[in-house]
Protein backbone atom coordinates (compact mmCIF):
# COMPACT_ATOMS: atom_id res chain seq x y z
CA MET A 1 9.12 -15.06 -31.83
CA THR A 2 7.74 -17.43 -34.68
CA ARG A 3 4.29 -17.68 -33.02
CA ARG A 4 3.83 -14.25 -32.05
CA VAL A 5 4.13 -13.12 -36.15
CA LEU A 6 1.98 -16.00 -37.26
CA PRO A 7 -1.19 -14.15 -37.79
CA PHE A 8 0.87 -11.72 -39.66
CA VAL A 9 2.41 -15.12 -41.76
CA TYR A 10 -1.76 -15.70 -41.94
CA GLY A 11 -2.57 -12.88 -43.08
CA LEU A 12 0.03 -12.39 -46.10
CA PHE A 13 -0.85 -15.73 -47.55
CA PHE A 14 -4.73 -15.23 -47.45
CA VAL A 15 -3.53 -12.21 -50.11
CA SER A 16 -1.45 -14.83 -51.80
CA GLY A 17 -3.79 -17.16 -52.41
CA ALA A 18 -6.22 -14.82 -53.15
CA THR A 19 -3.72 -13.48 -56.15
CA ALA A 20 -3.23 -17.07 -57.69
CA LEU A 21 -6.67 -17.67 -58.40
CA ILE A 22 -7.33 -13.94 -60.18
CA TYR A 23 -4.15 -15.27 -62.23
CA GLU A 24 -5.90 -17.88 -62.52
CA VAL A 25 -9.27 -16.78 -63.89
CA VAL A 26 -7.55 -13.81 -66.41
CA TRP A 27 -5.02 -16.25 -67.91
CA ALA A 28 -7.76 -18.12 -69.01
CA ARG A 29 -8.82 -15.37 -70.34
CA MET A 30 -6.31 -13.95 -72.10
CA LEU A 31 -5.72 -17.34 -74.11
CA THR A 32 -9.51 -17.29 -74.78
CA GLN A 33 -8.33 -14.48 -77.22
CA ILE A 34 -5.27 -17.09 -78.69
CA PHE A 35 -6.60 -20.09 -78.81
CA GLY A 36 -9.89 -18.80 -80.18
CA ASN A 37 -11.41 -21.90 -78.23
CA THR A 38 -12.52 -21.80 -74.15
CA THR A 39 -11.78 -25.73 -73.89
CA HIS A 40 -8.37 -25.26 -74.82
CA ALA A 41 -7.70 -22.38 -73.02
CA ILE A 42 -8.58 -23.38 -69.83
CA ALA A 43 -7.00 -26.73 -70.29
CA THR A 44 -3.85 -24.99 -71.17
CA VAL A 45 -4.17 -22.42 -67.83
CA LEU A 46 -4.93 -25.90 -65.65
CA SER A 47 -2.26 -27.94 -67.04
CA ALA A 48 0.62 -25.26 -66.75
CA PHE A 49 -0.79 -23.73 -63.68
CA MET A 50 -0.66 -27.56 -61.47
CA GLY A 51 2.41 -27.96 -62.99
CA GLY A 52 4.19 -25.31 -62.46
CA LEU A 53 2.56 -26.01 -58.66
CA ALA A 54 4.07 -29.96 -58.48
CA LEU A 55 7.68 -28.78 -60.20
CA GLY A 56 8.04 -25.47 -57.64
CA SER A 57 7.26 -27.43 -54.54
CA TYR A 58 8.79 -30.46 -55.55
CA VAL A 59 11.83 -28.75 -56.67
CA LEU A 60 11.99 -25.35 -54.97
CA GLY A 61 11.02 -26.88 -51.92
CA ARG A 62 14.03 -28.63 -51.01
CA LEU A 63 15.99 -24.92 -50.79
CA ALA A 64 13.73 -24.87 -47.58
CA ASP A 65 15.62 -27.38 -45.81
CA THR A 66 19.21 -26.00 -47.01
CA ARG A 67 18.27 -22.06 -45.91
CA ARG A 68 18.13 -20.28 -42.98
CA ASN A 69 15.87 -17.28 -44.27
CA ALA A 70 13.14 -19.02 -45.54
CA PHE A 71 10.52 -16.34 -45.00
CA LEU A 72 12.82 -14.40 -46.73
CA ILE A 73 12.49 -16.50 -49.84
CA TYR A 74 8.96 -16.60 -49.51
CA GLY A 75 8.93 -12.74 -49.79
CA LEU A 76 11.43 -12.96 -52.82
CA LEU A 77 8.85 -15.38 -54.19
CA GLU A 78 6.25 -13.33 -53.79
CA ALA A 79 8.16 -10.75 -56.22
CA GLY A 80 9.20 -12.74 -58.20
CA VAL A 81 5.60 -13.76 -59.00
CA GLY A 82 4.24 -9.94 -59.23
CA VAL A 83 7.21 -9.09 -61.57
CA TYR A 84 6.38 -11.66 -64.08
CA GLY A 85 2.46 -11.41 -63.57
CA LEU A 86 3.00 -7.84 -64.83
CA ALA A 87 4.96 -9.21 -67.99
CA ILE A 88 2.55 -11.84 -68.82
CA PRO A 89 -0.13 -9.80 -70.97
CA THR A 90 2.72 -9.02 -73.05
CA LEU A 91 4.34 -12.22 -73.08
CA PHE A 92 0.92 -13.66 -74.18
CA ALA A 93 0.99 -10.24 -76.62
CA LEU A 94 3.74 -11.55 -77.97
CA THR A 95 2.60 -15.04 -78.78
CA GLN A 96 -0.28 -14.02 -80.69
CA GLN A 97 1.81 -12.01 -83.18
CA ALA A 98 3.44 -15.17 -83.72
CA TYR A 99 0.32 -17.16 -83.74
CA SER A 100 0.76 -16.63 -88.27
CA ARG A 101 3.90 -17.25 -88.09
CA LEU A 102 3.80 -20.91 -85.97
CA TYR A 103 0.64 -21.36 -88.36
CA GLY A 104 2.86 -21.44 -91.61
CA LEU A 105 5.59 -23.64 -89.88
CA THR A 106 2.49 -26.29 -89.02
CA GLU A 107 -0.24 -25.95 -91.03
CA THR A 108 0.19 -29.31 -92.78
CA SER A 109 -1.05 -30.27 -89.21
CA PHE A 110 -3.63 -28.63 -86.89
CA THR A 111 -2.89 -31.01 -84.32
CA VAL A 112 0.59 -29.81 -84.31
CA PHE A 113 -0.18 -26.75 -84.25
CA SER A 114 -2.72 -26.52 -81.27
CA LEU A 115 0.43 -29.01 -79.37
CA ALA A 116 2.92 -26.12 -80.64
CA LEU A 117 0.79 -23.34 -79.01
CA PHE A 118 0.10 -24.98 -75.62
CA LEU A 119 3.37 -25.21 -75.52
CA LEU A 120 4.24 -22.03 -76.26
CA CYS A 121 1.69 -20.88 -73.81
CA PHE A 122 2.33 -23.08 -71.19
CA ALA A 123 5.86 -22.56 -71.20
CA VAL A 124 4.39 -18.52 -70.15
CA ILE A 125 2.83 -19.42 -67.26
CA LEU A 126 5.00 -22.59 -66.07
CA VAL A 127 7.36 -19.67 -64.12
CA PRO A 128 5.02 -17.88 -62.35
CA THR A 129 3.06 -21.01 -61.28
CA ALA A 130 6.46 -22.67 -60.04
CA LEU A 131 7.09 -19.85 -57.77
CA MET A 132 3.64 -19.71 -55.78
CA GLY A 133 4.28 -23.71 -55.74
CA ALA A 134 7.10 -22.89 -53.70
CA THR A 135 5.95 -20.32 -51.26
CA LEU A 136 3.70 -23.80 -48.73
CA PRO A 137 7.17 -25.89 -47.76
CA MET A 138 8.64 -21.96 -47.60
CA LEU A 139 6.17 -21.49 -44.99
CA SER A 140 5.59 -24.57 -43.73
CA ARG A 141 9.92 -24.96 -42.74
CA PHE A 142 9.57 -20.99 -41.49
CA SER A 143 6.25 -21.66 -39.81
CA VAL A 144 6.16 -25.10 -37.54
CA THR A 145 8.84 -24.46 -34.44
CA GLN A 146 7.54 -27.96 -33.32
CA PHE A 147 6.89 -31.17 -34.17
CA ALA A 148 3.68 -31.80 -32.69
CA SER A 149 2.57 -28.52 -33.76
CA LEU A 150 3.40 -29.34 -38.02
CA GLY A 151 -0.02 -31.05 -38.61
CA ARG A 152 -2.35 -27.97 -37.17
CA ARG A 153 0.19 -25.16 -38.73
CA VAL A 154 0.29 -27.29 -41.80
CA GLY A 155 -3.39 -27.07 -41.68
CA ASP A 156 -3.57 -23.67 -40.94
CA LEU A 157 -1.11 -22.67 -43.65
CA TYR A 158 -3.19 -24.77 -46.93
CA ALA A 159 -6.69 -23.51 -44.84
CA ILE A 160 -5.66 -20.29 -45.26
CA ASN A 161 -4.25 -19.80 -48.97
CA THR A 162 -7.34 -21.99 -49.92
CA LEU A 163 -9.48 -19.53 -48.39
CA GLY A 164 -7.54 -16.51 -49.92
CA ALA A 165 -8.32 -18.48 -53.21
CA VAL A 166 -12.06 -18.60 -52.76
CA LEU A 167 -11.68 -14.54 -52.57
CA GLY A 168 -9.68 -14.58 -55.32
CA CYS A 169 -12.48 -16.46 -57.49
CA ALA A 170 -15.31 -14.65 -56.77
CA LEU A 171 -13.43 -11.09 -56.56
CA SER A 172 -12.00 -11.94 -60.39
CA GLY A 173 -15.25 -13.13 -61.40
CA PHE A 174 -18.04 -10.99 -59.91
CA TYR A 175 -16.08 -7.66 -60.01
CA LEU A 176 -12.80 -7.27 -60.76
CA ILE A 177 -12.78 -8.14 -64.78
CA PRO A 178 -16.06 -6.51 -64.76
CA GLU A 179 -15.24 -3.42 -63.86
CA LEU A 180 -10.85 -3.79 -64.22
CA GLY A 181 -11.04 -5.58 -67.09
CA LEU A 182 -8.57 -7.93 -67.87
CA ARG A 183 -5.04 -6.21 -67.36
CA GLY A 184 -6.25 -3.89 -65.10
CA SER A 185 -7.20 -7.26 -62.96
CA VAL A 186 -3.49 -8.79 -63.43
CA ARG A 187 -2.14 -5.39 -62.57
CA LEU A 188 -4.29 -5.17 -58.97
CA ALA A 189 -2.90 -8.90 -58.75
CA ALA A 190 0.90 -8.03 -59.37
CA VAL A 191 0.17 -5.31 -56.98
CA LEU A 192 -0.60 -7.07 -54.24
CA ASN A 193 2.09 -9.92 -54.61
CA LEU A 194 4.58 -7.27 -54.69
CA SER A 195 2.73 -5.33 -51.80
CA VAL A 196 3.41 -9.05 -49.77
CA ALA A 197 6.97 -8.93 -50.17
CA THR A 198 7.85 -5.91 -49.10
CA LEU A 199 5.83 -6.47 -45.76
CA VAL A 200 7.98 -9.39 -45.42
CA VAL A 201 11.34 -8.19 -46.25
CA ALA A 202 10.33 -5.19 -43.74
CA ALA A 203 9.11 -8.05 -41.12
CA VAL A 204 13.15 -9.74 -41.43
CA MET A 205 14.46 -6.87 -40.36
CA TRP A 206 12.27 -6.13 -37.82
CA LEU A 207 12.82 -10.09 -36.86
CA ARG A 208 16.65 -9.73 -37.10
CA GLY A 209 18.31 -11.40 -34.60
CA HIS A 210 15.32 -13.27 -33.55
CA ARG A 211 15.53 -17.22 -33.74
CA THR A 212 13.55 -18.76 -36.39
CA VAL A 213 12.38 -22.36 -37.69
CA ALA A 214 15.49 -23.09 -39.68
CA GLU A 215 18.24 -22.04 -36.40
CA ASP A 216 15.71 -23.80 -33.68
CA PRO A 217 13.74 -26.52 -35.30
CA GLY A 218 11.97 -27.85 -32.31
CA GLU A 219 11.51 -31.06 -30.84
CA ALA A 220 11.10 -33.86 -33.31
CA PRO A 221 11.49 -38.07 -32.54
CA PRO A 222 14.29 -40.06 -33.67
CA VAL A 223 14.48 -40.51 -37.35
CA SER A 224 14.60 -44.58 -36.37
CA ALA A 225 11.76 -44.34 -34.21
CA ALA A 226 9.11 -42.00 -35.90
CA ALA A 227 9.99 -43.07 -39.71
CA ALA A 228 7.75 -45.65 -41.46
CA PRO A 229 9.07 -48.12 -43.79
CA SER A 230 10.18 -46.56 -47.42
CA TYR A 231 6.91 -48.74 -48.93
CA LEU A 232 4.86 -47.17 -46.41
CA ASP A 233 5.80 -43.89 -47.60
CA VAL A 234 5.57 -44.71 -51.27
CA ALA A 235 1.90 -46.19 -50.59
CA LEU A 236 1.24 -42.74 -48.80
CA LEU A 237 2.28 -40.76 -52.05
CA ALA A 238 0.65 -43.16 -54.56
CA ALA A 239 -2.32 -42.88 -52.16
CA PHE A 240 -2.25 -39.21 -52.12
CA GLY A 241 -1.98 -38.89 -55.67
CA LEU A 242 -4.76 -41.06 -56.57
CA SER A 243 -6.85 -38.96 -53.89
CA GLY A 244 -5.87 -35.87 -56.26
CA ALA A 245 -7.26 -37.94 -59.10
CA ALA A 246 -10.11 -38.68 -57.24
CA ALA A 247 -11.29 -35.06 -56.19
CA MET A 248 -10.49 -33.73 -60.04
CA VAL A 249 -12.57 -36.34 -61.37
CA TYR A 250 -15.63 -35.60 -58.67
CA GLU A 251 -15.32 -32.21 -59.16
CA ASN A 252 -15.66 -32.07 -62.77
CA ALA A 253 -18.67 -34.36 -62.98
CA TRP A 254 -20.09 -32.52 -60.21
CA THR A 255 -19.89 -29.13 -62.20
CA ARG A 256 -20.97 -31.07 -65.02
CA ALA A 257 -24.00 -32.03 -63.60
CA LEU A 258 -25.00 -29.02 -61.76
CA THR A 259 -24.59 -26.92 -65.36
CA LEU A 260 -27.62 -29.16 -66.15
CA VAL A 261 -29.71 -28.04 -62.70
CA ILE A 262 -28.44 -24.14 -62.17
CA GLY A 263 -27.59 -23.66 -65.72
CA MET A 264 -23.82 -22.43 -67.08
CA SER A 265 -22.29 -18.82 -67.17
CA THR A 266 -19.68 -17.42 -65.71
CA TYR A 267 -21.72 -16.77 -62.24
CA SER A 268 -22.82 -20.25 -61.90
CA PHE A 269 -19.01 -21.34 -62.80
CA THR A 270 -17.31 -18.82 -60.16
CA ILE A 271 -19.94 -20.23 -57.67
CA MET A 272 -19.37 -23.99 -58.25
CA LEU A 273 -15.66 -23.23 -58.15
CA THR A 274 -15.89 -21.30 -54.99
CA THR A 275 -17.87 -23.38 -53.40
CA PHE A 276 -15.52 -26.61 -53.63
CA LEU A 277 -12.29 -24.21 -52.73
CA VAL A 278 -14.69 -22.89 -49.62
CA GLY A 279 -15.07 -26.86 -48.27
CA LEU A 280 -10.98 -27.19 -49.36
CA GLY A 281 -10.24 -24.76 -46.92
CA VAL A 282 -12.69 -24.95 -44.23
CA GLY A 283 -11.77 -28.51 -43.85
CA SER A 284 -7.91 -27.90 -43.44
CA LEU A 285 -8.76 -25.51 -40.83
CA LEU A 286 -11.56 -27.58 -39.02
CA TYR A 287 -8.73 -30.50 -38.56
CA ALA A 288 -5.95 -28.11 -37.99
CA ARG A 289 -7.95 -26.57 -34.85
CA TRP A 290 -9.57 -30.41 -33.78
CA TRP A 291 -6.75 -32.87 -34.49
CA GLY A 292 -3.72 -31.37 -35.51
CA THR A 293 -1.82 -31.97 -33.36
CA ARG A 294 -2.49 -35.95 -33.39
CA ASP A 295 -0.20 -39.01 -35.58
CA VAL A 296 -3.71 -40.48 -37.35
CA GLY A 297 -1.17 -42.72 -39.20
CA VAL A 298 -1.55 -44.55 -42.84
CA ALA A 299 -4.47 -46.34 -41.62
CA GLY A 300 -6.01 -43.14 -40.05
CA PHE A 301 -5.68 -41.76 -44.43
CA GLY A 302 -7.25 -44.72 -45.47
CA LEU A 303 -10.32 -44.64 -43.39
CA LEU A 304 -10.26 -41.17 -44.36
CA GLN A 305 -10.61 -42.11 -48.40
CA LEU A 306 -13.12 -44.38 -47.59
CA LEU A 307 -15.12 -41.48 -45.88
CA ILE A 308 -14.41 -39.63 -48.98
CA ALA A 309 -15.74 -42.32 -50.99
CA LEU A 310 -19.11 -42.49 -49.66
CA SER A 311 -19.87 -39.30 -49.62
CA ALA A 312 -18.92 -38.88 -52.84
CA LEU A 313 -21.43 -41.63 -53.36
CA ALA A 314 -24.48 -39.88 -51.96
CA THR A 315 -24.52 -37.33 -54.19
CA ILE A 316 -25.46 -39.76 -56.86
CA PRO A 317 -29.22 -40.21 -55.75
CA LEU A 318 -29.21 -36.84 -55.04
CA PHE A 319 -28.19 -35.04 -58.33
CA GLU A 320 -31.05 -36.32 -59.28
CA ARG A 321 -33.69 -34.27 -56.33
CA LEU A 322 -32.00 -31.22 -57.47
CA PRO A 323 -34.10 -30.30 -60.27
CA PHE A 324 -37.78 -30.27 -57.88
CA LEU A 325 -35.16 -28.77 -55.19
CA PHE A 326 -34.44 -25.75 -57.73
CA LEU A 327 -37.62 -24.92 -58.51
CA ARG A 328 -39.41 -25.44 -55.12
CA LEU A 329 -36.65 -22.68 -53.71
CA HIS A 330 -37.14 -20.78 -56.76
CA THR A 331 -41.39 -20.81 -56.27
CA GLY A 332 -40.70 -19.76 -52.31
CA PHE A 333 -38.18 -17.23 -52.94
CA GLY A 334 -38.61 -15.02 -55.60
CA ASP A 335 -36.68 -14.63 -58.94
CA SER A 336 -34.75 -11.45 -58.99
CA PHE A 337 -30.98 -11.79 -59.70
CA GLY A 338 -29.27 -11.66 -56.18
CA GLN A 339 -32.36 -14.67 -54.86
CA PHE A 340 -30.89 -16.67 -58.04
CA LEU A 341 -27.49 -17.04 -57.33
CA SER A 342 -28.71 -17.43 -53.61
CA ILE A 343 -30.38 -20.65 -55.20
CA GLN A 344 -27.33 -21.62 -57.09
CA VAL A 345 -24.70 -20.91 -54.10
CA ALA A 346 -27.62 -23.43 -51.50
CA LEU A 347 -27.63 -26.15 -54.65
CA SER A 348 -23.61 -26.41 -55.46
CA ALA A 349 -22.86 -26.47 -51.26
CA ILE A 350 -25.83 -29.12 -50.87
CA VAL A 351 -23.26 -31.21 -53.47
CA MET A 352 -19.93 -30.11 -52.69
CA ILE A 353 -20.05 -29.10 -49.35
CA LEU A 354 -19.22 -32.48 -47.15
CA PRO A 355 -16.90 -34.43 -49.30
CA THR A 356 -15.27 -31.45 -50.06
CA LEU A 357 -15.06 -31.06 -46.54
CA LEU A 358 -13.36 -34.31 -46.41
CA LEU A 359 -10.82 -33.62 -49.06
CA GLY A 360 -9.59 -30.55 -47.35
CA THR A 361 -8.11 -32.81 -44.60
CA THR A 362 -6.10 -34.84 -46.60
CA PHE A 363 -3.35 -32.48 -47.20
CA PRO A 364 -2.71 -31.93 -43.40
CA VAL A 365 -3.23 -35.36 -43.09
CA VAL A 366 -0.52 -36.92 -45.66
CA ALA A 367 2.54 -33.74 -44.39
CA ARG A 368 1.73 -35.03 -40.72
CA ILE A 369 2.07 -39.14 -41.35
CA TYR A 370 5.20 -37.94 -44.02
CA THR A 371 7.16 -36.27 -42.65
CA GLN A 372 9.29 -37.71 -40.20
CA ASN A 373 11.96 -34.23 -39.36
CA LEU A 374 11.61 -30.70 -39.07
CA TYR A 375 15.06 -30.94 -40.75
CA ARG A 376 13.82 -31.83 -43.65
CA ILE A 377 10.30 -30.09 -43.79
CA GLY A 378 10.60 -28.26 -46.90
CA THR A 379 10.99 -31.38 -48.87
CA SER A 380 8.21 -33.56 -47.73
CA ILE A 381 5.82 -31.09 -47.57
CA GLY A 382 6.86 -29.92 -51.13
CA THR A 383 6.76 -33.94 -52.25
CA ALA A 384 3.55 -34.64 -50.66
CA TYR A 385 2.43 -31.60 -52.33
CA ALA A 386 3.49 -32.10 -55.66
CA SER A 387 2.48 -35.71 -55.79
CA ASN A 388 -1.24 -34.78 -54.90
CA THR A 389 -0.80 -32.14 -58.01
CA LEU A 390 0.87 -34.57 -60.29
CA GLY A 391 -3.02 -36.40 -59.49
CA ALA A 392 -5.11 -33.60 -59.75
CA ILE A 393 -3.59 -33.18 -63.45
CA VAL A 394 -3.95 -36.52 -64.49
CA GLY A 395 -7.85 -36.22 -62.62
CA ALA A 396 -7.98 -33.38 -64.67
CA PHE A 397 -7.71 -34.53 -68.17
CA LEU A 398 -9.09 -37.77 -67.61
CA GLY A 399 -12.22 -36.40 -66.13
CA GLY A 400 -12.69 -33.91 -68.75
CA PHE A 401 -11.89 -35.58 -72.08
CA VAL A 402 -11.77 -39.36 -71.68
CA LEU A 403 -14.30 -40.79 -68.67
CA ILE A 404 -17.05 -38.14 -69.02
CA PRO A 405 -17.40 -38.44 -72.91
CA VAL A 406 -16.96 -42.08 -72.64
CA LEU A 407 -18.71 -42.98 -69.17
CA GLY A 408 -20.99 -40.30 -68.69
CA VAL A 409 -21.21 -38.39 -65.55
CA GLN A 410 -23.44 -40.51 -62.94
CA ASN A 411 -20.36 -43.57 -63.50
CA SER A 412 -17.41 -41.43 -64.09
CA ILE A 413 -19.05 -40.26 -59.80
CA GLY A 414 -18.88 -44.32 -59.48
CA LEU A 415 -15.67 -44.72 -60.56
CA ALA A 416 -14.44 -42.37 -58.51
CA VAL A 417 -15.60 -43.70 -55.78
CA VAL A 418 -14.37 -47.14 -56.39
CA VAL A 419 -10.66 -45.31 -56.45
CA SER A 420 -11.24 -43.32 -53.54
CA ALA A 421 -12.77 -46.56 -51.96
CA ALA A 422 -10.07 -49.30 -53.15
CA THR A 423 -7.56 -46.44 -51.97
CA GLY A 424 -8.61 -46.63 -48.48
CA VAL A 425 -8.66 -49.86 -48.41
CA VAL A 426 -5.14 -50.58 -49.36
CA LEU A 427 -3.91 -48.42 -46.70
CA VAL A 428 -5.67 -49.93 -43.75
CA ALA A 429 -4.49 -53.04 -45.17
CA LEU A 430 -0.44 -52.07 -45.57
CA ASP A 431 -0.76 -50.25 -41.64
CA ALA A 432 1.11 -52.86 -39.44
CA ARG A 433 0.07 -50.83 -36.00
CA VAL A 434 -3.39 -52.17 -36.80
CA ARG A 435 -4.15 -56.03 -35.89
CA ARG A 436 -4.18 -57.48 -39.59
CA ALA A 437 -7.23 -59.45 -39.30
CA ARG A 438 -9.04 -56.31 -37.96
CA ARG A 439 -7.93 -54.41 -40.49
CA LEU A 440 -8.43 -56.31 -43.26
CA ALA A 441 -12.05 -57.06 -41.83
CA ALA A 442 -12.85 -53.88 -42.15
CA ALA A 443 -11.57 -52.65 -45.17
CA GLY A 444 -12.98 -55.68 -47.50
CA ALA A 445 -16.22 -54.49 -45.64
CA MET A 446 -15.94 -50.94 -46.68
CA PHE A 447 -14.81 -51.61 -50.63
CA VAL A 448 -17.46 -54.55 -50.77
CA ILE A 449 -20.11 -51.98 -49.38
CA ALA A 450 -19.37 -48.62 -51.71
CA VAL A 451 -18.93 -50.94 -55.20
CA VAL A 452 -22.65 -52.60 -53.94
CA ALA A 453 -24.05 -49.00 -53.50
CA VAL A 454 -22.40 -47.75 -56.80
CA LEU A 455 -23.71 -50.79 -58.74
CA SER A 456 -26.90 -50.81 -56.96
CA PHE A 457 -27.98 -47.15 -58.23
CA ARG A 458 -30.55 -46.55 -60.87
CA THR A 459 -29.34 -44.31 -64.07
CA TRP A 460 -30.25 -41.27 -63.97
CA ASP A 461 -33.58 -40.07 -65.34
CA LYS A 462 -32.69 -38.09 -68.55
CA ARG A 463 -35.48 -36.49 -68.64
CA VAL A 464 -35.75 -34.75 -65.03
CA MET A 465 -31.65 -34.37 -65.39
CA THR A 466 -32.07 -32.45 -69.17
CA SER A 467 -35.65 -30.88 -68.57
CA GLY A 468 -33.46 -27.37 -68.05
CA VAL A 469 -34.91 -25.81 -64.62
CA THR A 470 -33.30 -22.50 -64.85
CA ILE A 471 -34.53 -21.64 -68.29
CA TYR A 472 -37.72 -21.62 -66.72
């Protein structure tokens, strides 16, 4: 029965992904009015958003393994997001009213005032994002009925939700906020969440009496045969966290470098974020379709990290050629607004699409490796998702506030490449299923190649990178 309702479930989760990005974009705009600073507002939203996702997936994901009605709980989570989404503008307004009182208490230190305001806004956003974070492990529990299909189903869910986020990002940046305003956009997202919840309740009533994954978890290999050694579990989660951190450094660095070529506006930022998300979603979908039923193992994930490192490495020499490519495309296709946006999309895709396709495969791959029994799928998916998200939080902070200001964009990409390559090397070396000599030789060679390649690239020509071609 679960297979028959999967298209319906995927459709709901697509809408859920769209609403999540609408909230993220709108909340950042609302917090700008409170902080008076775009950087602080975005940092608050990103920290609370990713922190809530990690908390919800880790804590509430365990709930999926102890309840028989995971699909209904998913509907309740969506209802909670919708209700809280409607309340957020009011809560932000109350926060703004507390602004002067808070400043009076902390006027001796602007740092203390900023931190207190950050924590207050963080707490407001944390609740709905924690509810969002629990939706993936909950739907994984409902959707996966056979162990062999775990990689495919989880990959599909992650891809569908991410592609929904693409739509939400594009809609909010190009249409909703200009046409409906901030409050109108939030109301629309909340109505969509509540509609999803209503449809879930109706579907649960229709499905009543039929078996679901909670009643028939399907076939799973014996734990003694399938379970990886505990040190491999820890290594896998740590590697997935490092993968998330490196991904955010890549995104930060690529965005900074691309703004030198295509400009920094609401439209260009939306295009860059949308391109990044498209790569993640399509990558997960391709993995689910082609390799979702295969057990790639820890060494396979290590090789994937090495491929990510090499694809990200290839972007370094590419950036210096983008200004010339921009001028050529602009000359050949004209200068209307639509054509200008098309050029921005093309250049963003040239840089990001291959690395993000590979990054998109990482979650379903890790989910397939780390989950040893369907009776604990919620816990496993939630833990893996939380480790990656926590790594992303660290990467976002380090990339934006430490690495790029201190090392510069090019060296930050190079450092992230080394981290990805080193992660891959360690995983390949640890997997006992591969012959020791072969894995050490292959991993060592790949790592040396990556490091030598990073060191061999010459520094970008500042005259080219700062030529401001988008202005002309």
